[in-house]
Amino acid sequence: MTTTRMTSYDRSMLRLMNDPRGRSLYATPARRRLAVAAHAALTAAIVGLFAHFFLSRAEAIWSAVVVAVLLLPWMVAQGVINSATRGLLELRAPALDERQLAERDRVLARAHRITTCLLLLAVVGLFVVGDADGDALRTYAVSALVGTLVAHFVMPSWVAGLSAQDEPSEDEAATL
């Protein structure tokens, strides 16, 4: 731990992120990958539905209702990822040890590189579509930028969830 004292908020968040009750949801690498895939699919669906809601010329109130319904499983998937990483991205620095702080820096750097590539793809895609249809830039630019902004926001969680390591078994912990 760092030399800065933890607040009661830090202690309660540390307990929450290390709560063993949900451990079966992320106990194996396959389950962690499934949680990240489910979160990514739900994020894509929510962003797509928002784009439909704002771009549709017809009455699209149903898409807002579906977004509201999808937010609950999205939050559950986010919680599973946060628990799988033991709060790597959610806990403040005083609650993390030096190894976790270094891991957080690695995750954020990797996520930043991935998001930079996504932004480049979005810009190139908008120019290609805009070249084919002159009105496409005005129509799709906001949706593409919102999608990449959301990806930028959640990418550290996805990278952390995919790179989280298994907890040592009791036999391995006894030998350490």
N, C-alpha and C. Protein backbone atom coordinates (compact mmCIF):
# COMPACT_ATOMS: atom_id res chain seq x y z
N MET A 1 0.83 -1.17 0.00
CA MET A 1 0.00 0.00 0.00
C MET A 1 0.89 1.25 0.00
N THR A 2 0.31 2.33 -0.46
CA THR A 2 1.05 3.58 -0.47
C THR A 2 1.03 4.18 0.93
N THR A 3 1.79 5.24 1.11
CA THR A 3 1.87 5.84 2.43
C THR A 3 0.66 6.73 2.73
N THR A 4 -0.12 7.06 1.72
CA THR A 4 -1.32 7.85 1.94
C THR A 4 -2.36 6.99 2.65
N ARG A 5 -3.01 7.56 3.62
CA ARG A 5 -4.00 6.80 4.40
C ARG A 5 -5.27 6.62 3.59
N MET A 6 -5.87 5.44 3.77
CA MET A 6 -7.14 5.16 3.10
C MET A 6 -8.27 5.77 3.91
N THR A 7 -9.24 6.29 3.18
CA THR A 7 -10.44 6.83 3.81
C THR A 7 -11.43 5.69 4.03
N SER A 8 -12.51 5.99 4.73
CA SER A 8 -13.53 4.96 4.92
C SER A 8 -14.15 4.56 3.58
N TYR A 9 -14.24 5.50 2.65
CA TYR A 9 -14.72 5.18 1.30
C TYR A 9 -13.78 4.17 0.63
N ASP A 10 -12.47 4.42 0.73
CA ASP A 10 -11.49 3.50 0.13
C ASP A 10 -11.61 2.10 0.74
N ARG A 11 -11.77 2.03 2.05
CA ARG A 11 -11.87 0.72 2.71
C ARG A 11 -13.14 0.00 2.30
N SER A 12 -14.26 0.73 2.19
CA SER A 12 -15.51 0.06 1.80
C SER A 12 -15.46 -0.38 0.34
N MET A 13 -14.86 0.40 -0.54
CA MET A 13 -14.72 0.00 -1.94
C MET A 13 -13.77 -1.18 -2.07
N LEU A 14 -12.71 -1.22 -1.27
CA LEU A 14 -11.78 -2.34 -1.29
C LEU A 14 -12.48 -3.63 -0.87
N ARG A 15 -13.31 -3.54 0.17
CA ARG A 15 -14.09 -4.71 0.59
C ARG A 15 -15.05 -5.15 -0.51
N LEU A 16 -15.71 -4.21 -1.14
CA LEU A 16 -16.67 -4.52 -2.19
C LEU A 16 -15.98 -5.17 -3.39
N MET A 17 -14.85 -4.65 -3.79
CA MET A 17 -14.16 -5.19 -4.96
C MET A 17 -13.52 -6.56 -4.69
N ASN A 18 -13.32 -6.89 -3.44
CA ASN A 18 -12.73 -8.18 -3.09
C ASN A 18 -13.74 -9.11 -2.42
N ASP A 19 -15.01 -8.85 -2.61
CA ASP A 19 -16.07 -9.69 -2.04
C ASP A 19 -16.07 -11.05 -2.74
N PRO A 20 -15.96 -12.14 -2.00
CA PRO A 20 -15.84 -13.46 -2.63
C PRO A 20 -17.16 -14.04 -3.15
N ARG A 21 -18.29 -13.41 -2.87
CA ARG A 21 -19.58 -14.00 -3.25
C ARG A 21 -19.77 -14.14 -4.75
N GLY A 22 -19.26 -13.27 -5.55
CA GLY A 22 -19.44 -13.36 -7.00
C GLY A 22 -18.27 -13.98 -7.73
N ARG A 23 -17.35 -14.56 -6.99
CA ARG A 23 -16.12 -15.07 -7.59
C ARG A 23 -16.37 -16.11 -8.68
N SER A 24 -17.44 -16.89 -8.57
CA SER A 24 -17.69 -17.92 -9.58
C SER A 24 -17.99 -17.31 -10.95
N LEU A 25 -18.40 -16.05 -11.00
CA LEU A 25 -18.70 -15.40 -12.28
C LEU A 25 -17.44 -15.09 -13.09
N TYR A 26 -16.29 -15.01 -12.42
CA TYR A 26 -15.05 -14.66 -13.13
C TYR A 26 -13.88 -15.54 -12.71
N ALA A 27 -14.16 -16.73 -12.24
CA ALA A 27 -13.12 -17.59 -11.69
C ALA A 27 -12.14 -18.12 -12.75
N THR A 28 -12.57 -18.24 -13.99
CA THR A 28 -11.70 -18.79 -15.03
C THR A 28 -11.47 -17.74 -16.12
N PRO A 29 -10.41 -17.90 -16.89
CA PRO A 29 -10.19 -16.95 -18.00
C PRO A 29 -11.35 -16.95 -19.00
N ALA A 30 -11.94 -18.11 -19.24
CA ALA A 30 -13.07 -18.17 -20.18
C ALA A 30 -14.25 -17.35 -19.68
N ARG A 31 -14.52 -17.40 -18.40
CA ARG A 31 -15.63 -16.62 -17.84
C ARG A 31 -15.33 -15.13 -17.88
N ARG A 32 -14.08 -14.76 -17.65
CA ARG A 32 -13.72 -13.34 -17.75
C ARG A 32 -13.86 -12.85 -19.18
N ARG A 33 -13.41 -13.67 -20.14
CA ARG A 33 -13.57 -13.29 -21.55
C ARG A 33 -15.05 -13.17 -21.92
N LEU A 34 -15.87 -14.09 -21.39
CA LEU A 34 -17.31 -14.03 -21.64
C LEU A 34 -17.92 -12.76 -21.07
N ALA A 35 -17.50 -12.38 -19.87
CA ALA A 35 -18.01 -11.14 -19.26
C ALA A 35 -17.62 -9.93 -20.10
N VAL A 36 -16.37 -9.89 -20.58
CA VAL A 36 -15.92 -8.77 -21.41
C VAL A 36 -16.67 -8.78 -22.74
N ALA A 37 -16.86 -9.95 -23.34
CA ALA A 37 -17.59 -10.04 -24.61
C ALA A 37 -19.04 -9.60 -24.43
N ALA A 38 -19.67 -10.02 -23.35
CA ALA A 38 -21.05 -9.62 -23.09
C ALA A 38 -21.12 -8.11 -22.88
N HIS A 39 -20.17 -7.56 -22.15
CA HIS A 39 -20.15 -6.11 -21.91
C HIS A 39 -19.94 -5.36 -23.22
N ALA A 40 -19.03 -5.85 -24.06
CA ALA A 40 -18.78 -5.20 -25.35
C ALA A 40 -20.02 -5.27 -26.24
N ALA A 41 -20.68 -6.43 -26.27
CA ALA A 41 -21.89 -6.57 -27.09
C ALA A 41 -23.01 -5.65 -26.58
N LEU A 42 -23.19 -5.60 -25.27
CA LEU A 42 -24.21 -4.72 -24.71
C LEU A 42 -23.88 -3.25 -24.97
N THR A 43 -22.60 -2.90 -24.87
CA THR A 43 -22.19 -1.52 -25.16
C THR A 43 -22.48 -1.17 -26.61
N ALA A 44 -22.12 -2.07 -27.52
CA ALA A 44 -22.39 -1.82 -28.95
C ALA A 44 -23.88 -1.70 -29.21
N ALA A 45 -24.68 -2.55 -28.58
CA ALA A 45 -26.14 -2.48 -28.76
C ALA A 45 -26.69 -1.16 -28.24
N ILE A 46 -26.24 -0.74 -27.09
CA ILE A 46 -26.74 0.51 -26.50
C ILE A 46 -26.35 1.70 -27.36
N VAL A 47 -25.10 1.74 -27.82
CA VAL A 47 -24.66 2.85 -28.68
C VAL A 47 -25.44 2.83 -30.00
N GLY A 48 -25.63 1.65 -30.57
CA GLY A 48 -26.39 1.54 -31.82
C GLY A 48 -27.84 1.98 -31.65
N LEU A 49 -28.44 1.61 -30.52
CA LEU A 49 -29.82 2.02 -30.28
C LEU A 49 -29.94 3.52 -30.05
N PHE A 50 -28.94 4.09 -29.37
CA PHE A 50 -28.94 5.55 -29.21
C PHE A 50 -28.83 6.23 -30.58
N ALA A 51 -27.94 5.71 -31.43
CA ALA A 51 -27.79 6.28 -32.76
C ALA A 51 -29.10 6.17 -33.53
N HIS A 52 -29.75 5.02 -33.43
CA HIS A 52 -31.04 4.85 -34.11
C HIS A 52 -32.07 5.84 -33.56
N PHE A 53 -32.08 6.00 -32.26
CA PHE A 53 -33.04 6.91 -31.63
C PHE A 53 -32.87 8.33 -32.16
N PHE A 54 -31.63 8.77 -32.33
CA PHE A 54 -31.40 10.15 -32.74
C PHE A 54 -31.40 10.33 -34.26
N LEU A 55 -31.13 9.28 -35.02
CA LEU A 55 -31.07 9.42 -36.47
C LEU A 55 -32.35 9.01 -37.18
N SER A 56 -33.18 8.24 -36.52
CA SER A 56 -34.39 7.74 -37.18
C SER A 56 -35.38 8.86 -37.42
N ARG A 57 -35.94 8.84 -38.61
CA ARG A 57 -36.96 9.84 -38.93
C ARG A 57 -38.33 9.39 -38.41
N ALA A 58 -38.48 8.12 -38.16
CA ALA A 58 -39.74 7.58 -37.64
C ALA A 58 -39.73 7.66 -36.11
N GLU A 59 -40.85 7.34 -35.53
CA GLU A 59 -40.96 7.30 -34.07
C GLU A 59 -40.10 6.15 -33.55
N ALA A 60 -39.09 6.45 -32.77
CA ALA A 60 -38.15 5.42 -32.32
C ALA A 60 -38.08 5.35 -30.80
N ILE A 61 -39.19 5.59 -30.15
CA ILE A 61 -39.19 5.55 -28.68
C ILE A 61 -38.87 4.16 -28.17
N TRP A 62 -39.16 3.13 -28.97
CA TRP A 62 -38.87 1.77 -28.56
C TRP A 62 -37.38 1.57 -28.32
N SER A 63 -36.53 2.28 -29.08
CA SER A 63 -35.09 2.10 -28.89
C SER A 63 -34.64 2.65 -27.54
N ALA A 64 -35.26 3.73 -27.08
CA ALA A 64 -34.92 4.27 -25.76
C ALA A 64 -35.36 3.31 -24.67
N VAL A 65 -36.49 2.65 -24.86
CA VAL A 65 -36.97 1.67 -23.88
C VAL A 65 -36.03 0.47 -23.83
N VAL A 66 -35.57 0.01 -24.99
CA VAL A 66 -34.65 -1.13 -25.03
C VAL A 66 -33.32 -0.76 -24.38
N VAL A 67 -32.86 0.48 -24.58
CA VAL A 67 -31.63 0.93 -23.92
C VAL A 67 -31.80 0.87 -22.41
N ALA A 68 -32.94 1.33 -21.92
CA ALA A 68 -33.18 1.29 -20.47
C ALA A 68 -33.16 -0.14 -19.95
N VAL A 69 -33.70 -1.07 -20.72
CA VAL A 69 -33.70 -2.48 -20.31
C VAL A 69 -32.30 -3.06 -20.36
N LEU A 70 -31.50 -2.68 -21.36
CA LEU A 70 -30.15 -3.22 -21.50
C LEU A 70 -29.17 -2.65 -20.48
N LEU A 71 -29.49 -1.54 -19.87
CA LEU A 71 -28.56 -0.94 -18.91
C LEU A 71 -28.33 -1.82 -17.68
N LEU A 72 -29.33 -2.55 -17.23
CA LEU A 72 -29.14 -3.42 -16.06
C LEU A 72 -28.13 -4.53 -16.33
N PRO A 73 -28.28 -5.33 -17.40
CA PRO A 73 -27.23 -6.33 -17.64
C PRO A 73 -25.87 -5.71 -17.94
N TRP A 74 -25.86 -4.51 -18.54
CA TRP A 74 -24.60 -3.82 -18.80
C TRP A 74 -23.90 -3.50 -17.48
N MET A 75 -24.67 -3.02 -16.50
CA MET A 75 -24.09 -2.70 -15.19
C MET A 75 -23.61 -3.96 -14.47
N VAL A 76 -24.34 -5.05 -14.61
CA VAL A 76 -23.91 -6.32 -14.00
C VAL A 76 -22.60 -6.77 -14.63
N ALA A 77 -22.51 -6.72 -15.96
CA ALA A 77 -21.27 -7.12 -16.63
C ALA A 77 -20.11 -6.21 -16.21
N GLN A 78 -20.36 -4.91 -16.06
CA GLN A 78 -19.31 -4.00 -15.59
C GLN A 78 -18.87 -4.36 -14.18
N GLY A 79 -19.82 -4.72 -13.33
CA GLY A 79 -19.48 -5.14 -11.97
C GLY A 79 -18.66 -6.41 -11.94
N VAL A 80 -18.97 -7.35 -12.82
CA VAL A 80 -18.19 -8.59 -12.91
C VAL A 80 -16.76 -8.28 -13.33
N ILE A 81 -16.60 -7.40 -14.31
CA ILE A 81 -15.25 -7.02 -14.74
C ILE A 81 -14.51 -6.31 -13.61
N ASN A 82 -15.18 -5.40 -12.92
CA ASN A 82 -14.54 -4.70 -11.80
C ASN A 82 -14.11 -5.67 -10.72
N SER A 83 -14.94 -6.65 -10.41
CA SER A 83 -14.60 -7.64 -9.39
C SER A 83 -13.48 -8.55 -9.87
N ALA A 84 -13.50 -8.91 -11.15
CA ALA A 84 -12.45 -9.78 -11.70
C ALA A 84 -11.08 -9.12 -11.62
N THR A 85 -11.06 -7.81 -11.76
CA THR A 85 -9.78 -7.08 -11.69
C THR A 85 -9.51 -6.57 -10.29
N ARG A 86 -10.37 -6.95 -9.34
CA ARG A 86 -10.26 -6.53 -7.94
C ARG A 86 -10.20 -5.01 -7.80
N GLY A 87 -10.99 -4.34 -8.64
CA GLY A 87 -11.10 -2.89 -8.55
C GLY A 87 -9.91 -2.13 -9.09
N LEU A 88 -9.17 -2.74 -9.99
CA LEU A 88 -7.95 -2.13 -10.52
C LEU A 88 -8.19 -0.72 -11.04
N LEU A 89 -9.30 -0.52 -11.73
CA LEU A 89 -9.58 0.79 -12.31
C LEU A 89 -10.54 1.62 -11.48
N GLU A 90 -11.19 1.01 -10.51
CA GLU A 90 -12.20 1.71 -9.72
C GLU A 90 -11.65 2.23 -8.39
N LEU A 91 -10.67 1.53 -7.84
CA LEU A 91 -10.12 1.94 -6.55
C LEU A 91 -9.15 3.09 -6.72
N ARG A 92 -9.09 3.95 -5.73
CA ARG A 92 -8.13 5.05 -5.75
C ARG A 92 -6.76 4.53 -5.36
N ALA A 93 -5.75 5.30 -5.66
CA ALA A 93 -4.35 4.88 -5.47
C ALA A 93 -4.03 4.40 -4.05
N PRO A 94 -4.54 5.03 -2.97
CA PRO A 94 -4.18 4.54 -1.64
C PRO A 94 -4.64 3.10 -1.36
N ALA A 95 -5.63 2.62 -2.08
CA ALA A 95 -6.13 1.27 -1.84
C ALA A 95 -5.40 0.22 -2.67
N LEU A 96 -4.48 0.64 -3.53
CA LEU A 96 -3.76 -0.29 -4.40
C LEU A 96 -2.31 -0.39 -3.96
N ASP A 97 -1.73 -1.59 -4.14
CA ASP A 97 -0.30 -1.72 -3.86
C ASP A 97 0.49 -1.36 -5.11
N GLU A 98 1.82 -1.40 -5.01
CA GLU A 98 2.67 -0.98 -6.11
C GLU A 98 2.47 -1.84 -7.35
N ARG A 99 2.29 -3.14 -7.17
CA ARG A 99 2.06 -4.04 -8.30
C ARG A 99 0.77 -3.67 -9.03
N GLN A 100 -0.28 -3.38 -8.27
CA GLN A 100 -1.56 -3.01 -8.87
C GLN A 100 -1.48 -1.65 -9.57
N LEU A 101 -0.74 -0.72 -8.99
CA LEU A 101 -0.57 0.58 -9.64
C LEU A 101 0.17 0.43 -10.96
N ALA A 102 1.20 -0.42 -10.99
CA ALA A 102 1.93 -0.66 -12.23
C ALA A 102 1.03 -1.36 -13.25
N GLU A 103 0.22 -2.31 -12.80
CA GLU A 103 -0.71 -3.00 -13.70
C GLU A 103 -1.73 -2.02 -14.26
N ARG A 104 -2.22 -1.10 -13.43
CA ARG A 104 -3.18 -0.10 -13.91
C ARG A 104 -2.55 0.76 -14.99
N ASP A 105 -1.30 1.16 -14.80
CA ASP A 105 -0.60 1.96 -15.81
C ASP A 105 -0.47 1.19 -17.12
N ARG A 106 -0.14 -0.11 -17.04
CA ARG A 106 -0.02 -0.93 -18.25
C ARG A 106 -1.37 -1.06 -18.96
N VAL A 107 -2.42 -1.30 -18.20
CA VAL A 107 -3.76 -1.43 -18.78
C VAL A 107 -4.18 -0.13 -19.46
N LEU A 108 -3.98 0.98 -18.80
CA LEU A 108 -4.39 2.27 -19.37
C LEU A 108 -3.59 2.60 -20.63
N ALA A 109 -2.30 2.28 -20.63
CA ALA A 109 -1.48 2.53 -21.82
C ALA A 109 -1.95 1.67 -22.99
N ARG A 110 -2.21 0.39 -22.74
CA ARG A 110 -2.68 -0.52 -23.80
C ARG A 110 -4.04 -0.06 -24.31
N ALA A 111 -4.94 0.30 -23.41
CA ALA A 111 -6.27 0.77 -23.82
C ALA A 111 -6.17 2.05 -24.63
N HIS A 112 -5.26 2.92 -24.26
CA HIS A 112 -5.07 4.17 -25.00
C HIS A 112 -4.61 3.88 -26.43
N ARG A 113 -3.69 2.93 -26.60
CA ARG A 113 -3.23 2.58 -27.95
C ARG A 113 -4.36 1.99 -28.78
N ILE A 114 -5.17 1.12 -28.18
CA ILE A 114 -6.29 0.52 -28.90
C ILE A 114 -7.31 1.57 -29.30
N THR A 115 -7.61 2.48 -28.38
CA THR A 115 -8.58 3.53 -28.67
C THR A 115 -8.07 4.47 -29.75
N THR A 116 -6.78 4.74 -29.77
CA THR A 116 -6.20 5.57 -30.82
C THR A 116 -6.42 4.91 -32.19
N CYS A 117 -6.23 3.61 -32.26
CA CYS A 117 -6.48 2.89 -33.52
C CYS A 117 -7.95 2.95 -33.90
N LEU A 118 -8.86 2.82 -32.92
CA LEU A 118 -10.29 2.92 -33.21
C LEU A 118 -10.66 4.30 -33.72
N LEU A 119 -10.09 5.34 -33.14
CA LEU A 119 -10.36 6.69 -33.61
C LEU A 119 -9.86 6.88 -35.04
N LEU A 120 -8.69 6.34 -35.34
CA LEU A 120 -8.16 6.42 -36.70
C LEU A 120 -9.08 5.70 -37.67
N LEU A 121 -9.56 4.51 -37.29
CA LEU A 121 -10.49 3.77 -38.14
C LEU A 121 -11.79 4.55 -38.34
N ALA A 122 -12.28 5.20 -37.29
CA ALA A 122 -13.52 5.98 -37.41
C ALA A 122 -13.33 7.15 -38.37
N VAL A 123 -12.21 7.83 -38.27
CA VAL A 123 -11.94 8.97 -39.16
C VAL A 123 -11.81 8.50 -40.61
N VAL A 124 -11.04 7.44 -40.83
CA VAL A 124 -10.88 6.91 -42.19
C VAL A 124 -12.23 6.43 -42.72
N GLY A 125 -12.99 5.73 -41.89
CA GLY A 125 -14.30 5.25 -42.31
C GLY A 125 -15.24 6.39 -42.67
N LEU A 126 -15.22 7.45 -41.89
CA LEU A 126 -16.07 8.59 -42.20
C LEU A 126 -15.66 9.26 -43.51
N PHE A 127 -14.36 9.35 -43.75
CA PHE A 127 -13.92 9.96 -45.01
C PHE A 127 -14.28 9.08 -46.20
N VAL A 128 -14.16 7.78 -46.06
CA VAL A 128 -14.51 6.87 -47.16
C VAL A 128 -16.01 6.95 -47.45
N VAL A 129 -16.82 6.88 -46.38
CA VAL A 129 -18.27 6.96 -46.57
C VAL A 129 -18.66 8.36 -47.06
N GLY A 130 -18.01 9.37 -46.56
CA GLY A 130 -18.29 10.74 -46.99
C GLY A 130 -17.93 10.97 -48.44
N ASP A 131 -16.91 10.28 -48.94
CA ASP A 131 -16.52 10.38 -50.34
C ASP A 131 -17.57 9.74 -51.23
N ALA A 132 -18.18 8.65 -50.74
CA ALA A 132 -19.20 7.96 -51.53
C ALA A 132 -20.53 8.71 -51.50
N ASP A 133 -20.84 9.32 -50.37
CA ASP A 133 -22.11 10.03 -50.21
C ASP A 133 -21.81 11.34 -49.48
N GLY A 134 -21.91 12.45 -50.15
CA GLY A 134 -21.52 13.74 -49.60
C GLY A 134 -22.22 14.12 -48.30
N ASP A 135 -23.40 13.57 -48.05
CA ASP A 135 -24.16 13.91 -46.85
C ASP A 135 -23.80 13.01 -45.67
N ALA A 136 -23.01 11.98 -45.91
CA ALA A 136 -22.72 10.98 -44.87
C ALA A 136 -21.96 11.58 -43.69
N LEU A 137 -21.07 12.52 -43.95
CA LEU A 137 -20.30 13.08 -42.84
C LEU A 137 -21.21 13.76 -41.82
N ARG A 138 -22.17 14.53 -42.29
CA ARG A 138 -23.09 15.18 -41.37
C ARG A 138 -23.98 14.16 -40.68
N THR A 139 -24.36 13.12 -41.39
CA THR A 139 -25.29 12.15 -40.85
C THR A 139 -24.64 11.23 -39.83
N TYR A 140 -23.47 10.72 -40.13
CA TYR A 140 -22.87 9.67 -39.30
C TYR A 140 -21.75 10.13 -38.40
N ALA A 141 -21.29 11.35 -38.54
CA ALA A 141 -20.14 11.80 -37.75
C ALA A 141 -20.42 11.76 -36.26
N VAL A 142 -21.57 12.23 -35.85
CA VAL A 142 -21.89 12.26 -34.41
C VAL A 142 -21.96 10.84 -33.87
N SER A 143 -22.63 9.95 -34.59
CA SER A 143 -22.72 8.56 -34.12
C SER A 143 -21.35 7.90 -34.03
N ALA A 144 -20.50 8.12 -35.03
CA ALA A 144 -19.17 7.53 -35.00
C ALA A 144 -18.34 8.09 -33.85
N LEU A 145 -18.45 9.38 -33.63
CA LEU A 145 -17.69 9.99 -32.53
C LEU A 145 -18.22 9.55 -31.18
N VAL A 146 -19.52 9.42 -31.03
CA VAL A 146 -20.08 8.94 -29.77
C VAL A 146 -19.65 7.50 -29.53
N GLY A 147 -19.68 6.69 -30.57
CA GLY A 147 -19.25 5.30 -30.44
C GLY A 147 -17.79 5.17 -30.02
N THR A 148 -16.93 5.97 -30.62
CA THR A 148 -15.52 5.91 -30.24
C THR A 148 -15.28 6.51 -28.86
N LEU A 149 -16.07 7.51 -28.48
CA LEU A 149 -15.96 8.06 -27.13
C LEU A 149 -16.35 7.01 -26.09
N VAL A 150 -17.43 6.28 -26.36
CA VAL A 150 -17.84 5.22 -25.44
C VAL A 150 -16.77 4.13 -25.39
N ALA A 151 -16.22 3.77 -26.55
CA ALA A 151 -15.15 2.77 -26.56
C ALA A 151 -13.94 3.25 -25.76
N HIS A 152 -13.63 4.54 -25.88
CA HIS A 152 -12.52 5.10 -25.11
C HIS A 152 -12.79 5.00 -23.61
N PHE A 153 -14.05 5.19 -23.22
CA PHE A 153 -14.43 5.13 -21.82
C PHE A 153 -14.35 3.71 -21.26
N VAL A 154 -14.81 2.72 -22.00
CA VAL A 154 -14.88 1.36 -21.48
C VAL A 154 -13.68 0.48 -21.85
N MET A 155 -12.84 0.93 -22.76
CA MET A 155 -11.71 0.11 -23.19
C MET A 155 -10.79 -0.30 -22.04
N PRO A 156 -10.46 0.57 -21.08
CA PRO A 156 -9.63 0.11 -19.97
C PRO A 156 -10.25 -1.06 -19.20
N SER A 157 -11.57 -1.05 -19.03
CA SER A 157 -12.23 -2.17 -18.34
C SER A 157 -12.10 -3.44 -19.16
N TRP A 158 -12.28 -3.34 -20.46
CA TRP A 158 -12.17 -4.53 -21.31
C TRP A 158 -10.75 -5.08 -21.29
N VAL A 159 -9.77 -4.20 -21.40
CA VAL A 159 -8.37 -4.64 -21.40
C VAL A 159 -8.02 -5.26 -20.04
N ALA A 160 -8.45 -4.62 -18.96
CA ALA A 160 -8.17 -5.16 -17.62
C ALA A 160 -8.86 -6.50 -17.43
N GLY A 161 -10.11 -6.61 -17.88
CA GLY A 161 -10.83 -7.88 -17.75
C GLY A 161 -10.19 -9.00 -18.54
N LEU A 162 -9.69 -8.68 -19.73
CA LEU A 162 -9.05 -9.71 -20.55
C LEU A 162 -7.66 -10.08 -20.05
N SER A 163 -7.00 -9.16 -19.35
CA SER A 163 -5.64 -9.46 -18.89
C SER A 163 -5.58 -9.85 -17.42
N ALA A 164 -6.73 -9.95 -16.75
CA ALA A 164 -6.75 -10.34 -15.33
C ALA A 164 -6.25 -11.78 -15.19
N GLN A 165 -5.48 -12.01 -14.15
CA GLN A 165 -4.90 -13.32 -13.90
C GLN A 165 -5.77 -14.09 -12.92
N ASP A 166 -5.67 -15.42 -12.98
CA ASP A 166 -6.37 -16.26 -12.01
C ASP A 166 -5.79 -16.03 -10.63
N GLU A 167 -6.64 -16.16 -9.61
CA GLU A 167 -6.15 -16.10 -8.25
C GLU A 167 -5.42 -17.40 -7.96
N PRO A 168 -4.35 -17.35 -7.17
CA PRO A 168 -3.63 -18.59 -6.86
C PRO A 168 -4.53 -19.52 -6.04
N SER A 169 -4.40 -20.82 -6.33
CA SER A 169 -5.18 -21.78 -5.55
C SER A 169 -4.61 -21.85 -4.14
N GLU A 170 -5.31 -22.53 -3.25
CA GLU A 170 -4.86 -22.61 -1.86
C GLU A 170 -3.52 -23.32 -1.75
N ASP A 171 -3.28 -24.32 -2.60
CA ASP A 171 -1.98 -25.02 -2.59
C ASP A 171 -0.86 -24.08 -3.01
N GLU A 172 -1.10 -23.27 -4.07
CA GLU A 172 -0.07 -22.34 -4.53
C GLU A 172 0.16 -21.24 -3.50
N ALA A 173 -0.89 -20.77 -2.85
CA ALA A 173 -0.76 -19.71 -1.86
C ALA A 173 0.02 -20.18 -0.65
N ALA A 174 -0.12 -21.46 -0.29
CA ALA A 174 0.59 -22.01 0.87
C ALA A 174 2.09 -22.11 0.59
N THR A 175 2.48 -22.34 -0.68
CA THR A 175 3.89 -22.46 -1.01
C THR A 175 4.57 -21.12 -1.16
N LEU A 176 3.81 -20.06 -1.32
CA LEU A 176 4.42 -18.73 -1.50
C LEU A 176 4.92 -18.18 -0.23
